[in-house]
Amino acid sequence: MMLVLLAQNPGTPTGPEFGKASPLGLLVILVLLVGTALLVRSMNKHLKGLPETFEPEHPEPDQQADEGTDPGVIPNGTEGSDPPKPAST
């Protein structure tokens, strides 16, 4: 008996109120728009506070090959030399 009820097609809803939006939907959309505007405003404030570049002003010798350099590039004057040895502590 339960399978017969579940297998039945409920039919398409009809009537004068079918498909109309409620005022609650408009309220939800307005709240989402206000929240998005506040998030964009906050993000812009944070982005204005960032430095123009993240490169160090005075890089240390051990920072010669960092994330900003091309992998596998050897600086001029060091071709054929051994890689630097780690400093012992």
N, C-alpha and C. Protein backbone atom coordinates (compact mmCIF):
# COMPACT_ATOMS: atom_id res chain seq x y z
N MET A 1 0.82 -1.19 0.00
CA MET A 1 0.00 0.00 0.00
C MET A 1 0.87 1.26 0.00
N MET A 2 1.95 1.26 0.79
CA MET A 2 2.84 2.42 0.89
C MET A 2 3.56 2.67 -0.43
N LEU A 3 3.97 1.59 -1.14
CA LEU A 3 4.65 1.75 -2.41
C LEU A 3 3.74 2.37 -3.46
N VAL A 4 2.47 2.08 -3.41
CA VAL A 4 1.52 2.63 -4.36
C VAL A 4 1.40 4.14 -4.15
N LEU A 5 1.38 4.58 -2.88
CA LEU A 5 1.29 6.01 -2.58
C LEU A 5 2.55 6.75 -3.01
N LEU A 6 3.71 6.10 -2.82
CA LEU A 6 4.96 6.75 -3.20
C LEU A 6 5.14 6.80 -4.71
N ALA A 7 4.59 5.85 -5.42
CA ALA A 7 4.75 5.78 -6.86
C ALA A 7 3.81 6.72 -7.61
N GLN A 8 2.79 7.23 -6.97
CA GLN A 8 1.83 8.08 -7.64
C GLN A 8 2.43 9.45 -7.91
N ASN A 9 2.10 10.00 -9.06
CA ASN A 9 2.54 11.35 -9.42
C ASN A 9 1.62 12.34 -8.71
N PRO A 10 2.16 13.27 -7.91
CA PRO A 10 1.29 14.15 -7.14
C PRO A 10 0.52 15.14 -8.00
N GLY A 11 0.86 15.28 -9.25
CA GLY A 11 0.17 16.25 -10.10
C GLY A 11 0.80 17.61 -9.98
N THR A 12 0.63 18.42 -10.98
CA THR A 12 1.21 19.76 -10.93
C THR A 12 0.31 20.69 -10.15
N PRO A 13 0.86 21.49 -9.27
CA PRO A 13 0.03 22.43 -8.50
C PRO A 13 -0.49 23.53 -9.42
N THR A 14 -1.72 23.88 -9.22
CA THR A 14 -2.33 24.93 -10.03
C THR A 14 -3.09 25.87 -9.11
N GLY A 15 -3.61 26.92 -9.65
CA GLY A 15 -4.39 27.86 -8.86
C GLY A 15 -3.85 29.26 -9.01
N PRO A 16 -4.56 30.23 -8.47
CA PRO A 16 -4.16 31.62 -8.63
C PRO A 16 -2.88 31.98 -7.86
N GLU A 17 -2.54 31.24 -6.81
CA GLU A 17 -1.37 31.56 -6.00
C GLU A 17 -0.12 30.81 -6.44
N PHE A 18 -0.23 29.89 -7.40
CA PHE A 18 0.93 29.09 -7.82
C PHE A 18 1.92 29.95 -8.58
N GLY A 19 3.21 29.90 -8.18
CA GLY A 19 4.28 30.58 -8.87
C GLY A 19 4.52 32.01 -8.43
N LYS A 20 3.80 32.50 -7.48
CA LYS A 20 4.01 33.87 -7.02
C LYS A 20 5.05 33.88 -5.91
N ALA A 21 5.85 34.91 -5.90
CA ALA A 21 6.87 35.05 -4.87
C ALA A 21 6.28 35.77 -3.66
N SER A 22 6.82 35.44 -2.51
CA SER A 22 6.34 36.10 -1.29
C SER A 22 7.23 37.30 -0.98
N PRO A 23 6.78 38.21 -0.15
CA PRO A 23 7.62 39.35 0.25
C PRO A 23 8.87 38.90 1.02
N LEU A 24 8.80 37.72 1.60
CA LEU A 24 9.96 37.20 2.31
C LEU A 24 11.12 36.96 1.34
N GLY A 25 10.83 36.55 0.10
CA GLY A 25 11.89 36.36 -0.90
C GLY A 25 12.61 37.66 -1.21
N LEU A 26 11.86 38.74 -1.33
CA LEU A 26 12.46 40.04 -1.57
C LEU A 26 13.36 40.46 -0.41
N LEU A 27 12.90 40.19 0.80
CA LEU A 27 13.69 40.52 1.98
C LEU A 27 15.01 39.74 1.99
N VAL A 28 14.95 38.47 1.65
CA VAL A 28 16.17 37.64 1.62
C VAL A 28 17.14 38.19 0.57
N ILE A 29 16.65 38.56 -0.60
CA ILE A 29 17.51 39.09 -1.64
C ILE A 29 18.14 40.41 -1.20
N LEU A 30 17.37 41.28 -0.56
CA LEU A 30 17.92 42.56 -0.09
C LEU A 30 18.99 42.36 0.98
N VAL A 31 18.75 41.41 1.89
CA VAL A 31 19.75 41.12 2.93
C VAL A 31 21.03 40.59 2.30
N LEU A 32 20.91 39.74 1.28
CA LEU A 32 22.10 39.22 0.61
C LEU A 32 22.85 40.33 -0.13
N LEU A 33 22.14 41.24 -0.76
CA LEU A 33 22.79 42.35 -1.45
C LEU A 33 23.51 43.27 -0.48
N VAL A 34 22.91 43.58 0.65
CA VAL A 34 23.55 44.43 1.65
C VAL A 34 24.80 43.74 2.21
N GLY A 35 24.69 42.44 2.49
CA GLY A 35 25.84 41.69 2.99
C GLY A 35 26.97 41.66 1.98
N THR A 36 26.65 41.48 0.70
CA THR A 36 27.67 41.48 -0.34
C THR A 36 28.33 42.85 -0.44
N ALA A 37 27.55 43.92 -0.37
CA ALA A 37 28.12 45.27 -0.44
C ALA A 37 29.07 45.52 0.74
N LEU A 38 28.70 45.07 1.92
CA LEU A 38 29.57 45.25 3.09
C LEU A 38 30.86 44.44 2.96
N LEU A 39 30.76 43.24 2.42
CA LEU A 39 31.97 42.43 2.23
C LEU A 39 32.90 43.05 1.20
N VAL A 40 32.36 43.59 0.12
CA VAL A 40 33.19 44.24 -0.90
C VAL A 40 33.87 45.48 -0.32
N ARG A 41 33.14 46.24 0.47
CA ARG A 41 33.71 47.44 1.10
C ARG A 41 34.85 47.07 2.05
N SER A 42 34.64 46.03 2.84
CA SER A 42 35.68 45.59 3.76
C SER A 42 36.90 45.07 3.01
N MET A 43 36.67 44.33 1.93
CA MET A 43 37.79 43.80 1.15
C MET A 43 38.60 44.94 0.54
N ASN A 44 37.94 45.97 0.04
CA ASN A 44 38.65 47.10 -0.55
C ASN A 44 39.50 47.82 0.49
N LYS A 45 39.00 47.96 1.71
CA LYS A 45 39.80 48.59 2.78
C LYS A 45 41.06 47.78 3.06
N HIS A 46 40.92 46.45 3.10
CA HIS A 46 42.08 45.61 3.37
C HIS A 46 43.07 45.63 2.21
N LEU A 47 42.58 45.67 0.98
CA LEU A 47 43.47 45.69 -0.17
C LEU A 47 44.25 47.00 -0.26
N LYS A 48 43.66 48.11 0.16
CA LYS A 48 44.36 49.39 0.14
C LYS A 48 45.51 49.41 1.14
N GLY A 49 45.42 48.61 2.18
CA GLY A 49 46.47 48.58 3.19
C GLY A 49 47.64 47.68 2.83
N LEU A 50 47.56 46.93 1.73
CA LEU A 50 48.65 46.04 1.35
C LEU A 50 49.77 46.84 0.68
N PRO A 51 51.00 46.38 0.82
CA PRO A 51 52.11 47.06 0.13
C PRO A 51 52.02 46.82 -1.38
N GLU A 52 52.69 47.69 -2.14
CA GLU A 52 52.69 47.56 -3.61
C GLU A 52 53.35 46.27 -4.05
N THR A 53 54.43 45.88 -3.37
CA THR A 53 55.13 44.65 -3.69
C THR A 53 55.55 43.97 -2.38
N PHE A 54 55.72 42.67 -2.45
CA PHE A 54 56.11 41.92 -1.26
C PHE A 54 57.59 41.54 -1.28
N GLU A 55 58.35 42.10 -2.21
CA GLU A 55 59.77 41.81 -2.28
C GLU A 55 60.48 42.50 -1.12
N PRO A 56 61.45 41.82 -0.51
CA PRO A 56 62.18 42.45 0.59
C PRO A 56 63.05 43.60 0.08
N GLU A 57 63.17 44.65 0.88
CA GLU A 57 63.96 45.82 0.48
C GLU A 57 65.46 45.49 0.46
N HIS A 58 65.92 44.76 1.44
CA HIS A 58 67.33 44.38 1.54
C HIS A 58 67.40 42.87 1.71
N PRO A 59 67.38 42.10 0.62
CA PRO A 59 67.39 40.65 0.77
C PRO A 59 68.72 40.15 1.33
N GLU A 60 68.64 39.18 2.15
CA GLU A 60 69.83 38.55 2.71
C GLU A 60 70.46 37.66 1.64
N PRO A 61 71.74 37.31 1.78
CA PRO A 61 72.37 36.46 0.75
C PRO A 61 71.68 35.11 0.56
N ASP A 62 71.10 34.57 1.62
CA ASP A 62 70.45 33.26 1.48
C ASP A 62 69.08 33.37 0.81
N GLN A 63 68.60 34.58 0.55
CA GLN A 63 67.31 34.76 -0.12
C GLN A 63 67.48 35.08 -1.60
N GLN A 64 68.65 34.73 -2.16
CA GLN A 64 68.93 35.07 -3.54
C GLN A 64 67.96 34.33 -4.48
N ALA A 65 67.68 33.09 -4.21
CA ALA A 65 66.76 32.31 -5.04
C ALA A 65 65.50 32.04 -4.23
N ASP A 66 64.52 32.90 -4.38
CA ASP A 66 63.27 32.73 -3.64
C ASP A 66 62.16 32.35 -4.61
N GLU A 67 60.91 32.48 -4.18
CA GLU A 67 59.76 32.09 -4.98
C GLU A 67 59.59 32.97 -6.22
N GLY A 68 60.18 34.15 -6.24
CA GLY A 68 59.99 35.06 -7.35
C GLY A 68 60.93 34.81 -8.52
N THR A 69 61.94 33.94 -8.34
CA THR A 69 62.88 33.69 -9.43
C THR A 69 62.44 32.49 -10.23
N ASP A 70 62.94 32.42 -11.46
CA ASP A 70 62.61 31.28 -12.32
C ASP A 70 63.37 30.06 -11.84
N PRO A 71 62.70 28.90 -11.80
CA PRO A 71 63.40 27.69 -11.34
C PRO A 71 64.49 27.29 -12.34
N GLY A 72 65.63 26.90 -11.84
CA GLY A 72 66.72 26.43 -12.68
C GLY A 72 67.61 27.53 -13.22
N VAL A 73 67.37 28.77 -12.90
CA VAL A 73 68.19 29.87 -13.39
C VAL A 73 69.38 30.04 -12.47
N ILE A 74 70.57 30.11 -13.07
CA ILE A 74 71.78 30.31 -12.29
C ILE A 74 72.18 31.77 -12.42
N PRO A 75 72.38 32.47 -11.31
CA PRO A 75 72.79 33.88 -11.40
C PRO A 75 74.15 34.01 -12.08
N ASN A 76 74.41 35.15 -12.72
CA ASN A 76 75.67 35.38 -13.42
C ASN A 76 76.85 35.29 -12.46
N GLY A 77 77.95 34.71 -12.95
CA GLY A 77 79.16 34.63 -12.15
C GLY A 77 79.23 33.38 -11.30
N THR A 78 78.24 32.53 -11.30
CA THR A 78 78.30 31.33 -10.47
C THR A 78 78.20 30.06 -11.31
N GLU A 79 78.39 30.17 -12.66
CA GLU A 79 78.33 28.98 -13.49
C GLU A 79 79.49 28.07 -13.15
N GLY A 80 79.18 26.81 -12.99
CA GLY A 80 80.21 25.82 -12.74
C GLY A 80 80.65 25.75 -11.31
N SER A 81 80.21 26.57 -10.44
CA SER A 81 80.63 26.50 -9.04
C SER A 81 79.70 25.58 -8.28
N ASP A 82 80.22 25.12 -7.16
CA ASP A 82 79.41 24.24 -6.30
C ASP A 82 78.33 25.05 -5.60
N PRO A 83 77.20 24.40 -5.26
CA PRO A 83 76.17 25.13 -4.52
C PRO A 83 76.68 25.51 -3.14
N PRO A 84 76.14 26.55 -2.55
CA PRO A 84 76.62 27.00 -1.23
C PRO A 84 76.36 25.94 -0.18
N LYS A 85 77.29 25.83 0.75
CA LYS A 85 77.19 24.87 1.85
C LYS A 85 76.35 25.49 2.96
N PRO A 86 75.53 24.68 3.64
CA PRO A 86 74.77 25.22 4.76
C PRO A 86 75.70 25.61 5.91
N ALA A 87 75.35 26.67 6.60
CA ALA A 87 76.16 27.14 7.71
C ALA A 87 76.01 26.19 8.89
N SER A 88 77.11 25.85 9.50
CA SER A 88 77.05 24.97 10.66
C SER A 88 76.76 25.79 11.90
N THR A 89 75.98 25.21 12.78
CA THR A 89 75.62 25.93 14.01
C THR A 89 76.34 25.39 15.19
